[in-house]
Amino acid sequence: MERAVSLLVDWLAEPDFNELRRAFFEWLSRVFLPVRFPGVDFSKIDKLSEVKDMLAERVIEWTEEWKPSKILSI
């Protein structure tokens, strides 16, 4: 998902794509991501590039949570 959003940000970087970029952002932040990431607050994110940044941060957090030492200590 992070890679797909990153590609969208790059592909839609031109000003001509403002409406399409906004539409992807709205769909991701209101429909797609909340279902897949329950409990994550998307209300503070207001553009597609911020979705990309948030996903990159979450991947790092999830990796830390899934490391064997964390799992064994539970």
N, C-alpha and C. Protein backbone atom coordinates (compact mmCIF):
# COMPACT_ATOMS: atom_id res chain seq x y z
N MET A 1 0.82 -1.20 0.00
CA MET A 1 0.00 0.00 0.00
C MET A 1 0.86 1.25 0.00
N GLU A 2 1.91 1.22 0.81
CA GLU A 2 2.80 2.39 0.86
C GLU A 2 3.40 2.68 -0.51
N ARG A 3 3.82 1.64 -1.20
CA ARG A 3 4.42 1.81 -2.54
C ARG A 3 3.40 2.35 -3.54
N ALA A 4 2.18 1.85 -3.48
CA ALA A 4 1.13 2.31 -4.39
C ALA A 4 0.82 3.79 -4.17
N VAL A 5 0.72 4.20 -2.93
CA VAL A 5 0.44 5.61 -2.64
C VAL A 5 1.62 6.48 -3.06
N SER A 6 2.82 5.98 -2.84
CA SER A 6 4.01 6.73 -3.26
C SER A 6 4.00 6.95 -4.78
N LEU A 7 3.65 5.92 -5.52
CA LEU A 7 3.56 6.05 -6.99
C LEU A 7 2.47 7.04 -7.38
N LEU A 8 1.33 6.99 -6.70
CA LEU A 8 0.25 7.95 -6.99
C LEU A 8 0.72 9.38 -6.76
N VAL A 9 1.43 9.61 -5.67
CA VAL A 9 1.93 10.96 -5.37
C VAL A 9 2.83 11.43 -6.50
N ASP A 10 3.72 10.56 -6.96
CA ASP A 10 4.62 10.93 -8.05
C ASP A 10 3.87 11.16 -9.36
N TRP A 11 2.97 10.25 -9.70
CA TRP A 11 2.24 10.34 -10.96
C TRP A 11 1.32 11.55 -11.02
N LEU A 12 0.77 11.92 -9.88
CA LEU A 12 -0.22 13.01 -9.85
C LEU A 12 0.37 14.33 -9.35
N ALA A 13 1.66 14.49 -9.45
CA ALA A 13 2.33 15.67 -8.92
C ALA A 13 2.03 16.95 -9.71
N GLU A 14 1.70 16.82 -10.95
CA GLU A 14 1.45 18.00 -11.79
C GLU A 14 0.18 18.73 -11.35
N PRO A 15 0.18 20.06 -11.44
CA PRO A 15 -1.01 20.83 -11.05
C PRO A 15 -2.27 20.44 -11.82
N ASP A 16 -2.12 19.93 -13.04
CA ASP A 16 -3.28 19.52 -13.83
C ASP A 16 -4.06 18.38 -13.16
N PHE A 17 -3.42 17.68 -12.24
CA PHE A 17 -4.04 16.52 -11.59
C PHE A 17 -4.56 16.83 -10.19
N ASN A 18 -4.72 18.09 -9.85
CA ASN A 18 -5.19 18.46 -8.51
C ASN A 18 -6.49 17.76 -8.12
N GLU A 19 -7.46 17.77 -9.01
CA GLU A 19 -8.75 17.16 -8.69
C GLU A 19 -8.64 15.64 -8.54
N LEU A 20 -7.90 15.00 -9.42
CA LEU A 20 -7.72 13.56 -9.33
C LEU A 20 -6.93 13.18 -8.07
N ARG A 21 -5.91 13.95 -7.76
CA ARG A 21 -5.12 13.72 -6.54
C ARG A 21 -6.01 13.84 -5.31
N ARG A 22 -6.86 14.85 -5.29
CA ARG A 22 -7.78 15.05 -4.16
C ARG A 22 -8.79 13.91 -4.07
N ALA A 23 -9.28 13.44 -5.21
CA ALA A 23 -10.24 12.33 -5.22
C ALA A 23 -9.60 11.05 -4.66
N PHE A 24 -8.37 10.76 -5.05
CA PHE A 24 -7.68 9.60 -4.49
C PHE A 24 -7.49 9.77 -2.98
N PHE A 25 -7.12 10.97 -2.57
CA PHE A 25 -6.94 11.21 -1.14
C PHE A 25 -8.23 10.96 -0.38
N GLU A 26 -9.34 11.50 -0.87
CA GLU A 26 -10.63 11.34 -0.20
C GLU A 26 -11.00 9.87 -0.09
N TRP A 27 -10.84 9.13 -1.17
CA TRP A 27 -11.19 7.71 -1.16
C TRP A 27 -10.29 6.93 -0.19
N LEU A 28 -8.99 7.18 -0.25
CA LEU A 28 -8.08 6.48 0.65
C LEU A 28 -8.37 6.80 2.12
N SER A 29 -8.52 8.07 2.44
CA SER A 29 -8.65 8.47 3.84
C SER A 29 -10.03 8.22 4.44
N ARG A 30 -11.05 8.16 3.60
CA ARG A 30 -12.41 7.98 4.13
C ARG A 30 -12.97 6.57 3.94
N VAL A 31 -12.47 5.84 2.94
CA VAL A 31 -13.04 4.54 2.63
C VAL A 31 -12.03 3.41 2.82
N PHE A 32 -10.96 3.45 2.07
CA PHE A 32 -10.02 2.32 2.02
C PHE A 32 -9.24 2.12 3.32
N LEU A 33 -8.54 3.14 3.77
CA LEU A 33 -7.65 3.00 4.92
C LEU A 33 -8.36 2.77 6.26
N PRO A 34 -9.44 3.48 6.56
CA PRO A 34 -10.09 3.23 7.86
C PRO A 34 -10.56 1.79 8.07
N VAL A 35 -10.96 1.13 7.01
CA VAL A 35 -11.39 -0.26 7.12
C VAL A 35 -10.19 -1.17 7.38
N ARG A 36 -9.08 -0.87 6.77
CA ARG A 36 -7.89 -1.71 6.90
C ARG A 36 -7.03 -1.38 8.11
N PHE A 37 -7.15 -0.18 8.61
CA PHE A 37 -6.36 0.26 9.76
C PHE A 37 -7.28 0.85 10.83
N PRO A 38 -8.10 0.01 11.45
CA PRO A 38 -9.01 0.54 12.47
C PRO A 38 -8.23 1.14 13.64
N GLY A 39 -8.75 2.20 14.17
CA GLY A 39 -8.10 2.86 15.30
C GLY A 39 -7.10 3.92 14.91
N VAL A 40 -6.74 4.01 13.64
CA VAL A 40 -5.80 5.04 13.18
C VAL A 40 -6.60 6.29 12.84
N ASP A 41 -6.16 7.42 13.36
CA ASP A 41 -6.85 8.70 13.14
C ASP A 41 -6.36 9.34 11.84
N PHE A 42 -7.22 9.37 10.85
CA PHE A 42 -6.88 9.96 9.55
C PHE A 42 -7.36 11.40 9.43
N SER A 43 -7.99 11.93 10.46
CA SER A 43 -8.57 13.27 10.38
C SER A 43 -7.52 14.38 10.31
N LYS A 44 -6.31 14.12 10.75
CA LYS A 44 -5.26 15.15 10.73
C LYS A 44 -4.49 15.17 9.41
N ILE A 45 -4.80 14.26 8.53
CA ILE A 45 -4.14 14.18 7.23
C ILE A 45 -5.02 14.88 6.21
N ASP A 46 -4.42 15.77 5.41
CA ASP A 46 -5.27 16.50 4.46
C ASP A 46 -4.77 16.49 3.02
N LYS A 47 -3.77 15.65 2.72
CA LYS A 47 -3.37 15.51 1.32
C LYS A 47 -2.70 14.17 1.09
N LEU A 48 -2.62 13.76 -0.16
CA LEU A 48 -2.13 12.44 -0.53
C LEU A 48 -0.69 12.21 -0.07
N SER A 49 0.16 13.20 -0.16
CA SER A 49 1.55 13.01 0.25
C SER A 49 1.65 12.72 1.75
N GLU A 50 0.70 13.24 2.54
CA GLU A 50 0.70 12.95 3.97
C GLU A 50 0.25 11.52 4.25
N VAL A 51 -0.61 10.98 3.40
CA VAL A 51 -0.99 9.56 3.52
C VAL A 51 0.25 8.71 3.31
N LYS A 52 1.03 9.06 2.29
CA LYS A 52 2.28 8.34 2.01
C LYS A 52 3.20 8.38 3.22
N ASP A 53 3.39 9.55 3.80
CA ASP A 53 4.27 9.70 4.96
C ASP A 53 3.75 8.90 6.16
N MET A 54 2.45 8.96 6.38
CA MET A 54 1.86 8.24 7.50
C MET A 54 2.05 6.73 7.34
N LEU A 55 1.84 6.22 6.14
CA LEU A 55 2.02 4.79 5.90
C LEU A 55 3.48 4.39 6.10
N ALA A 56 4.41 5.22 5.66
CA ALA A 56 5.82 4.92 5.86
C ALA A 56 6.16 4.84 7.35
N GLU A 57 5.62 5.75 8.14
CA GLU A 57 5.84 5.73 9.58
C GLU A 57 5.21 4.49 10.22
N ARG A 58 4.00 4.15 9.79
CA ARG A 58 3.31 2.99 10.35
C ARG A 58 4.06 1.70 10.02
N VAL A 59 4.64 1.59 8.84
CA VAL A 59 5.40 0.39 8.47
C VAL A 59 6.57 0.22 9.43
N ILE A 60 7.23 1.29 9.77
CA ILE A 60 8.35 1.22 10.72
C ILE A 60 7.84 0.76 12.09
N GLU A 61 6.73 1.35 12.54
CA GLU A 61 6.16 0.96 13.84
C GLU A 61 5.75 -0.51 13.84
N TRP A 62 5.08 -0.96 12.78
CA TRP A 62 4.62 -2.34 12.73
C TRP A 62 5.81 -3.31 12.71
N THR A 63 6.86 -2.94 12.00
CA THR A 63 8.04 -3.79 11.95
C THR A 63 8.63 -3.95 13.34
N GLU A 64 8.70 -2.86 14.08
CA GLU A 64 9.20 -2.92 15.46
C GLU A 64 8.31 -3.80 16.33
N GLU A 65 7.00 -3.69 16.15
CA GLU A 65 6.06 -4.48 16.94
C GLU A 65 6.15 -5.97 16.62
N TRP A 66 6.48 -6.30 15.38
CA TRP A 66 6.49 -7.70 14.95
C TRP A 66 7.82 -8.39 15.16
N LYS A 67 8.84 -7.67 15.60
CA LYS A 67 10.14 -8.30 15.81
C LYS A 67 10.00 -9.41 16.84
N PRO A 68 10.73 -10.50 16.66
CA PRO A 68 10.60 -11.66 17.56
C PRO A 68 10.75 -11.32 19.05
N SER A 69 11.64 -10.41 19.40
CA SER A 69 11.81 -10.08 20.82
C SER A 69 10.54 -9.49 21.41
N LYS A 70 9.80 -8.70 20.63
CA LYS A 70 8.55 -8.11 21.10
C LYS A 70 7.48 -9.20 21.25
N ILE A 71 7.44 -10.12 20.32
CA ILE A 71 6.45 -11.18 20.35
C ILE A 71 6.70 -12.11 21.52
N LEU A 72 7.96 -12.46 21.77
CA LEU A 72 8.30 -13.37 22.85
C LEU A 72 8.08 -12.77 24.22
N SER A 73 8.13 -11.46 24.32
CA SER A 73 7.98 -10.82 25.62
C SER A 73 6.53 -10.68 26.05
N ILE A 74 5.61 -11.01 25.17
CA ILE A 74 4.18 -10.87 25.48
C ILE A 74 3.72 -11.92 26.42
